[in-house]
Amino acid sequence: METEAAPIRIGRRALLARSPAIVAGGLIAASSASPALASPPTGPFPAGVPVPATRPASLLPPTRGVALVQPNTDERLDATYMRDGRADDGALAEINHLMRDWHTGDVIEIDQGLIDLLCTLQHYVGDGRPIEVFSAYRTKKTNDWLRRHGRATAKHSLHIEGMAVDMHIPGVRLRTVRDAARALNAGGVGYYPRSGFVHIDTGPVRYW
């Protein structure tokens, strides 16, 4: 009887080995396989790890998963959402549910690029530790409520599109998570040390 392949949990070295780019002078040269990335990220990666110069999905194995915790609802999930390069719809549905608007219970499809970002960060700097998801999808109603109550929330937030998450990896310095997300050069990164989270999204590359 055939056994199902276990999800690959990979660390820094394995991720670098899977990158199509070439390590040179402490940075990874830009890869022609990643046309969406105009130039390699600059600056040192946390703990001296060379900077990946390619989109997160190409750094990850064809079978991969992510472990998430939603502290607001005390939910936990460890889901293998890609199996041999094919999306697992059941696992993605579970991820969508955990990353729902927990204020209203509304669920939408979370951008898979965002899930790949979480997977990359979890195994690149988190050593496989579960990621705490404070806020992912938000309905417009929830987003407007947060704005009215003085929260630093954009009117047209990417949370509304399922393309953003406010997160933290317990046991990892928040600044390290921020720097790793910036180095991936795959979207927006916001740093909120007083609130204890990093915002990441799959929109245009920008930092605040």
C-alpha atoms as a PDB file:
ATOM      1  CA  MET A   1       0.000   0.000   0.000  1.00  0.00           C
ATOM      2  CA  GLU A   2       1.326   3.398  -0.909  1.00  0.00           C
ATOM      3  CA  THR A   3       1.781   5.867   1.915  1.00  0.00           C
ATOM      4  CA  GLU A   4       1.083   9.562   1.556  1.00  0.00           C
ATOM      5  CA  ALA A   5       4.139  11.811   1.423  1.00  0.00           C
ATOM      6  CA  ALA A   6       4.586  13.816   4.594  1.00  0.00           C
ATOM      7  CA  PRO A   7       4.729  17.594   4.298  1.00  0.00           C
ATOM      8  CA  ILE A   8       8.281  18.834   4.097  1.00  0.00           C
ATOM      9  CA  ARG A   9       9.306  21.082   6.969  1.00  0.00           C
ATOM     10  CA  ILE A  10      12.415  22.907   5.883  1.00  0.00           C
ATOM     11  CA  GLY A  11      14.914  25.213   7.510  1.00  0.00           C
ATOM     12  CA  ARG A  12      17.135  27.986   6.238  1.00  0.00           C
ATOM     13  CA  ARG A  13      19.731  25.808   4.491  1.00  0.00           C
ATOM     14  CA  ALA A  14      17.150  23.704   2.696  1.00  0.00           C
ATOM     15  CA  LEU A  15      15.346  26.782   1.445  1.00  0.00           C
ATOM     16  CA  LEU A  16      18.565  28.224   0.104  1.00  0.00           C
ATOM     17  CA  ALA A  17      19.399  24.926  -1.569  1.00  0.00           C
ATOM     18  CA  ARG A  18      16.022  24.946  -3.336  1.00  0.00           C
ATOM     19  CA  SER A  19      16.394  28.515  -4.575  1.00  0.00           C
ATOM     20  CA  PRO A  20      17.212  28.781  -8.294  1.00  0.00           C
ATOM     21  CA  ALA A  21      19.400  31.798  -7.587  1.00  0.00           C
ATOM     22  CA  ILE A  22      23.156  31.699  -7.000  1.00  0.00           C
ATOM     23  CA  VAL A  23      24.692  32.734  -3.694  1.00  0.00           C
ATOM     24  CA  ALA A  24      27.379  35.341  -4.279  1.00  0.00           C
ATOM     25  CA  GLY A  25      29.038  37.745  -1.886  1.00  0.00           C
ATOM     26  CA  GLY A  26      26.486  37.179   0.862  1.00  0.00           C
ATOM     27  CA  LEU A  27      23.534  38.023  -1.411  1.00  0.00           C
ATOM     28  CA  ILE A  28      21.691  35.919  -3.948  1.00  0.00           C
ATOM     29  CA  ALA A  29      21.828  37.155  -7.519  1.00  0.00           C
ATOM     30  CA  ALA A  30      18.511  37.766  -9.258  1.00  0.00           C
ATOM     31  CA  SER A  31      17.123  34.772 -11.125  1.00  0.00           C
ATOM     32  CA  SER A  32      15.801  34.923 -14.668  1.00  0.00           C
ATOM     33  CA  ALA A  33      13.151  32.439 -13.496  1.00  0.00           C
ATOM     34  CA  SER A  34      11.554  35.224 -11.472  1.00  0.00           C
ATOM     35  CA  PRO A  35      10.564  37.960 -13.944  1.00  0.00           C
ATOM     36  CA  ALA A  36       8.173  39.519 -11.416  1.00  0.00           C
ATOM     37  CA  LEU A  37      11.170  40.564  -9.332  1.00  0.00           C
ATOM     38  CA  ALA A  38      12.982  43.442 -11.035  1.00  0.00           C
ATOM     39  CA  SER A  39      16.050  43.359  -8.779  1.00  0.00           C
ATOM     40  CA  PRO A  40      17.289  41.395  -5.777  1.00  0.00           C
ATOM     41  CA  PRO A  41      16.441  42.673  -2.301  1.00  0.00           C
ATOM     42  CA  THR A  42      19.208  44.572  -0.565  1.00  0.00           C
ATOM     43  CA  GLY A  43      20.475  44.451   2.982  1.00  0.00           C
ATOM     44  CA  PRO A  44      21.494  41.538   5.226  1.00  0.00           C
ATOM     45  CA  PHE A  45      19.021  38.769   5.952  1.00  0.00           C
ATOM     46  CA  PRO A  46      18.467  38.006   9.663  1.00  0.00           C
ATOM     47  CA  ALA A  47      21.317  36.137  11.358  1.00  0.00           C
ATOM     48  CA  GLY A  48      23.489  36.546   8.265  1.00  0.00           C
ATOM     49  CA  VAL A  49      21.371  34.319   6.039  1.00  0.00           C
ATOM     50  CA  PRO A  50      21.719  35.296   2.354  1.00  0.00           C
ATOM     51  CA  VAL A  51      18.737  37.079   0.873  1.00  0.00           C
ATOM     52  CA  PRO A  52      16.451  35.080  -1.422  1.00  0.00           C
ATOM     53  CA  ALA A  53      15.913  36.877  -4.721  1.00  0.00           C
ATOM     54  CA  THR A  54      12.843  35.020  -5.864  1.00  0.00           C
ATOM     55  CA  ARG A  55       9.167  34.749  -5.028  1.00  0.00           C
ATOM     56  CA  PRO A  56       8.347  32.610  -1.956  1.00  0.00           C
ATOM     57  CA  ALA A  57       6.579  29.854  -3.926  1.00  0.00           C
ATOM     58  CA  SER A  58       9.774  29.004  -5.819  1.00  0.00           C
ATOM     59  CA  LEU A  59      11.653  28.636  -2.525  1.00  0.00           C
ATOM     60  CA  LEU A  60       9.202  26.031  -1.261  1.00  0.00           C
ATOM     61  CA  PRO A  61       8.875  22.299  -1.945  1.00  0.00           C
ATOM     62  CA  PRO A  62       5.939  20.889  -3.944  1.00  0.00           C
ATOM     63  CA  THR A  63       4.477  19.370  -0.770  1.00  0.00           C
ATOM     64  CA  ARG A  64       4.176  21.980   1.933  1.00  0.00           C
ATOM     65  CA  GLY A  65       2.106  23.018   4.907  1.00  0.00           C
ATOM     66  CA  VAL A  66       1.678  25.759   7.447  1.00  0.00           C
ATOM     67  CA  ALA A  67       0.873  25.727  11.164  1.00  0.00           C
ATOM     68  CA  LEU A  68      -1.341  28.561  12.390  1.00  0.00           C
ATOM     69  CA  VAL A  69      -2.822  29.730  15.680  1.00  0.00           C
ATOM     70  CA  GLN A  70      -5.714  32.188  16.001  1.00  0.00           C
ATOM     71  CA  PRO A  71      -5.347  33.547  19.567  1.00  0.00           C
ATOM     72  CA  ASN A  72      -8.632  35.455  19.427  1.00  0.00           C
ATOM     73  CA  THR A  73     -10.620  32.229  19.029  1.00  0.00           C
ATOM     74  CA  ASP A  74      -8.079  29.760  20.465  1.00  0.00           C
ATOM     75  CA  GLU A  75      -8.003  27.771  17.210  1.00  0.00           C
ATOM     76  CA  ARG A  76      -5.012  25.799  15.951  1.00  0.00           C
ATOM     77  CA  LEU A  77      -4.335  24.287  12.563  1.00  0.00           C
ATOM     78  CA  ASP A  78      -1.511  22.372  10.898  1.00  0.00           C
ATOM     79  CA  ALA A  79      -2.494  21.954   7.254  1.00  0.00           C
ATOM     80  CA  THR A  80      -0.667  20.547   4.231  1.00  0.00           C
ATOM     81  CA  TYR A  81      -2.131  22.731   1.503  1.00  0.00           C
ATOM     82  CA  MET A  82       0.088  21.642  -1.408  1.00  0.00           C
ATOM     83  CA  ARG A  83       0.744  17.985  -2.252  1.00  0.00           C
ATOM     84  CA  ASP A  84       3.181  17.214  -5.060  1.00  0.00           C
ATOM     85  CA  GLY A  85       2.531  20.623  -6.575  1.00  0.00           C
ATOM     86  CA  ARG A  86      -1.261  20.316  -6.447  1.00  0.00           C
ATOM     87  CA  ALA A  87      -3.444  22.399  -4.145  1.00  0.00           C
ATOM     88  CA  ASP A  88      -5.326  20.505  -1.436  1.00  0.00           C
ATOM     89  CA  ASP A  89      -8.740  22.165  -1.500  1.00  0.00           C
ATOM     90  CA  GLY A  90      -9.760  20.722   1.861  1.00  0.00           C
ATOM     91  CA  ALA A  91      -6.655  22.059   3.603  1.00  0.00           C
ATOM     92  CA  LEU A  92      -7.044  25.452   1.928  1.00  0.00           C
ATOM     93  CA  ALA A  93     -10.655  25.576   3.130  1.00  0.00           C
ATOM     94  CA  GLU A  94      -9.430  24.961   6.693  1.00  0.00           C
ATOM     95  CA  ILE A  95      -6.884  27.763   6.328  1.00  0.00           C
ATOM     96  CA  ASN A  96      -9.547  30.078   4.924  1.00  0.00           C
ATOM     97  CA  HIS A  97     -11.737  29.293   7.930  1.00  0.00           C
ATOM     98  CA  LEU A  98      -9.030  29.985  10.515  1.00  0.00           C
ATOM     99  CA  MET A  99      -8.090  33.224   8.728  1.00  0.00           C
ATOM    100  CA  ARG A 100     -11.721  34.372   8.526  1.00  0.00           C
ATOM    101  CA  ASP A 101     -13.085  37.630   9.934  1.00  0.00           C
ATOM    102  CA  TRP A 102     -13.398  36.357  13.487  1.00  0.00           C
ATOM    103  CA  HIS A 103     -15.622  39.300  14.419  1.00  0.00           C
ATOM    104  CA  THR A 104     -18.379  38.301  11.971  1.00  0.00           C
ATOM    105  CA  GLY A 105     -17.545  34.711  11.019  1.00  0.00           C
ATOM    106  CA  ASP A 106     -17.376  35.560   7.304  1.00  0.00           C
ATOM    107  CA  VAL A 107     -14.983  33.466   5.229  1.00  0.00           C
ATOM    108  CA  ILE A 108     -13.413  34.139   1.824  1.00  0.00           C
ATOM    109  CA  GLU A 109     -10.620  32.523  -0.167  1.00  0.00           C
ATOM    110  CA  ILE A 110      -7.274  33.707   1.175  1.00  0.00           C
ATOM    111  CA  ASP A 111      -4.699  34.589  -1.482  1.00  0.00           C
ATOM    112  CA  GLN A 112      -2.470  31.541  -1.856  1.00  0.00           C
ATOM    113  CA  GLY A 113       0.528  33.801  -2.342  1.00  0.00           C
ATOM    114  CA  LEU A 114      -0.079  35.053   1.194  1.00  0.00           C
ATOM    115  CA  ILE A 115      -0.200  31.482   2.495  1.00  0.00           C
ATOM    116  CA  ASP A 116       3.107  30.792   0.735  1.00  0.00           C
ATOM    117  CA  LEU A 117       4.556  33.881   2.419  1.00  0.00           C
ATOM    118  CA  LEU A 118       3.493  32.567   5.821  1.00  0.00           C
ATOM    119  CA  CYS A 119       4.967  29.162   5.026  1.00  0.00           C
ATOM    120  CA  THR A 120       8.250  30.736   3.926  1.00  0.00           C
ATOM    121  CA  LEU A 121       8.562  32.865   7.055  1.00  0.00           C
ATOM    122  CA  GLN A 122       7.566  30.000   9.328  1.00  0.00           C
ATOM    123  CA  HIS A 123      10.356  27.773   8.092  1.00  0.00           C
ATOM    124  CA  TYR A 124      12.930  30.423   7.203  1.00  0.00           C
ATOM    125  CA  VAL A 125      13.089  32.276  10.512  1.00  0.00           C
ATOM    126  CA  GLY A 126      10.561  30.481  12.712  1.00  0.00           C
ATOM    127  CA  ASP A 127      12.106  26.992  12.632  1.00  0.00           C
ATOM    128  CA  GLY A 128       8.628  25.559  12.106  1.00  0.00           C
ATOM    129  CA  ARG A 129       6.986  27.310  15.047  1.00  0.00           C
ATOM    130  CA  PRO A 130       3.252  27.962  14.553  1.00  0.00           C
ATOM    131  CA  ILE A 131       2.387  31.472  13.400  1.00  0.00           C
ATOM    132  CA  GLU A 132      -0.029  33.550  15.446  1.00  0.00           C
ATOM    133  CA  VAL A 133      -2.627  35.137  13.157  1.00  0.00           C
ATOM    134  CA  PHE A 134      -4.148  38.164  14.877  1.00  0.00           C
ATOM    135  CA  SER A 135      -6.105  39.449  11.888  1.00  0.00           C
ATOM    136  CA  ALA A 136      -6.380  38.198   8.320  1.00  0.00           C
ATOM    137  CA  TYR A 137      -9.570  38.592   6.293  1.00  0.00           C
ATOM    138  CA  ARG A 138     -11.801  41.472   7.354  1.00  0.00           C
ATOM    139  CA  THR A 139     -15.207  42.363   6.023  1.00  0.00           C
ATOM    140  CA  LYS A 140     -15.651  45.975   5.004  1.00  0.00           C
ATOM    141  CA  LYS A 141     -17.983  46.302   7.997  1.00  0.00           C
ATOM    142  CA  THR A 142     -15.241  45.219  10.403  1.00  0.00           C
ATOM    143  CA  ASN A 143     -12.644  47.365   8.656  1.00  0.00           C
ATOM    144  CA  ASP A 144     -14.881  50.442   8.862  1.00  0.00           C
ATOM    145  CA  TRP A 145     -15.572  49.754  12.544  1.00  0.00           C
ATOM    146  CA  LEU A 146     -11.837  49.593  13.271  1.00  0.00           C
ATOM    147  CA  ARG A 147     -11.301  52.887  11.445  1.00  0.00           C
ATOM    148  CA  ARG A 148     -14.077  54.579  13.414  1.00  0.00           C
ATOM    149  CA  HIS A 149     -12.481  53.435  16.647  1.00  0.00           C
ATOM    150  CA  GLY A 150      -9.099  54.919  15.847  1.00  0.00           C
ATOM    151  CA  ARG A 151      -7.223  51.849  14.651  1.00  0.00           C
ATOM    152  CA  ALA A 152      -4.454  52.338  12.090  1.00  0.00           C
ATOM    153  CA  THR A 153      -6.456  50.729   9.297  1.00  0.00           C
ATOM    154  CA  ALA A 154      -6.493  51.750   5.631  1.00  0.00           C
ATOM    155  CA  LYS A 155      -9.866  52.528   4.080  1.00  0.00           C
ATOM    156  CA  HIS A 156      -9.169  50.151   1.191  1.00  0.00           C
ATOM    157  CA  SER A 157      -7.215  47.628   3.251  1.00  0.00           C
ATOM    158  CA  LEU A 158      -5.933  44.492   1.551  1.00  0.00           C
ATOM    159  CA  HIS A 159      -7.357  42.586   4.514  1.00  0.00           C
ATOM    160  CA  ILE A 160     -10.738  43.067   2.806  1.00  0.00           C
ATOM    161  CA  GLU A 161      -9.427  41.169  -0.235  1.00  0.00           C
ATOM    162  CA  GLY A 162      -7.928  38.293   1.768  1.00  0.00           C
ATOM    163  CA  MET A 163      -4.457  39.480   0.779  1.00  0.00           C
ATOM    164  CA  ALA A 164      -3.087  40.611   4.167  1.00  0.00           C
ATOM    165  CA  VAL A 165      -2.401  39.256   7.624  1.00  0.00           C
ATOM    166  CA  ASP A 166      -1.203  40.689  10.941  1.00  0.00           C
ATOM    167  CA  MET A 167       1.014  38.028  12.468  1.00  0.00           C
ATOM    168  CA  HIS A 168       3.807  37.090  14.824  1.00  0.00           C
ATOM    169  CA  ILE A 169       5.965  34.011  15.394  1.00  0.00           C
ATOM    170  CA  PRO A 170       6.285  33.307  19.154  1.00  0.00           C
ATOM    171  CA  GLY A 171       9.899  32.945  20.211  1.00  0.00           C
ATOM    172  CA  VAL A 172      11.214  35.027  17.300  1.00  0.00           C
ATOM    173  CA  ARG A 173      12.047  38.712  17.651  1.00  0.00           C
ATOM    174  CA  LEU A 174       9.447  40.827  15.910  1.00  0.00           C
ATOM    175  CA  ARG A 175      12.191  42.795  14.175  1.00  0.00           C
ATOM    176  CA  THR A 176      13.593  39.553  12.756  1.00  0.00           C
ATOM    177  CA  VAL A 177      10.196  38.640  11.305  1.00  0.00           C
ATOM    178  CA  ARG A 178       9.915  42.126   9.805  1.00  0.00           C
ATOM    179  CA  ASP A 179      13.379  42.005   8.246  1.00  0.00           C
ATOM    180  CA  ALA A 180      12.753  38.549   6.789  1.00  0.00           C
ATOM    181  CA  ALA A 181       9.455  39.653   5.256  1.00  0.00           C
ATOM    182  CA  ARG A 182      11.116  42.724   3.747  1.00  0.00           C
ATOM    183  CA  ALA A 183      13.956  40.654   2.318  1.00  0.00           C
ATOM    184  CA  LEU A 184      11.481  38.468   0.426  1.00  0.00           C
ATOM    185  CA  ASN A 185      10.421  41.593  -1.501  1.00  0.00           C
ATOM    186  CA  ALA A 186       7.027  40.023  -2.167  1.00  0.00           C
ATOM    187  CA  GLY A 187       4.565  42.672  -0.944  1.00  0.00           C
ATOM    188  CA  GLY A 188       3.851  45.181   1.789  1.00  0.00           C
ATOM    189  CA  VAL A 189       5.377  44.929   5.261  1.00  0.00           C
ATOM    190  CA  GLY A 190       4.238  46.996   8.240  1.00  0.00           C
ATOM    191  CA  TYR A 191       6.002  46.972  11.618  1.00  0.00           C
ATOM    192  CA  TYR A 192       3.913  47.451  14.768  1.00  0.00           C
ATOM    193  CA  PRO A 193       6.188  46.775  17.766  1.00  0.00           C
ATOM    194  CA  ARG A 194       3.821  48.334  20.310  1.00  0.00           C
ATOM    195  CA  SER A 195       0.976  46.099  19.163  1.00  0.00           C
ATOM    196  CA  GLY A 196       3.268  43.089  18.825  1.00  0.00           C
ATOM    197  CA  PHE A 197       2.723  42.120  15.199  1.00  0.00           C
ATOM    198  CA  VAL A 198       4.011  42.456  11.647  1.00  0.00           C
ATOM    199  CA  HIS A 199       1.600  43.153   8.788  1.00  0.00           C
ATOM    200  CA  ILE A 200       2.381  41.360   5.537  1.00  0.00           C
ATOM    201  CA  ASP A 201       0.423  41.455   2.295  1.00  0.00           C
ATOM    202  CA  THR A 202       0.716  40.479  -1.354  1.00  0.00           C
ATOM    203  CA  GLY A 203       0.115  43.955  -2.716  1.00  0.00           C
ATOM    204  CA  PRO A 204       2.800  46.310  -4.076  1.00  0.00           C
ATOM    205  CA  VAL A 205       6.182  46.237  -2.334  1.00  0.00           C
ATOM    206  CA  ARG A 206       6.235  48.979   0.322  1.00  0.00           C
ATOM    207  CA  TYR A 207       7.331  49.326   3.936  1.00  0.00           C
ATOM    208  CA  TRP A 208       6.121  51.282   6.951  1.00  0.00           C
END
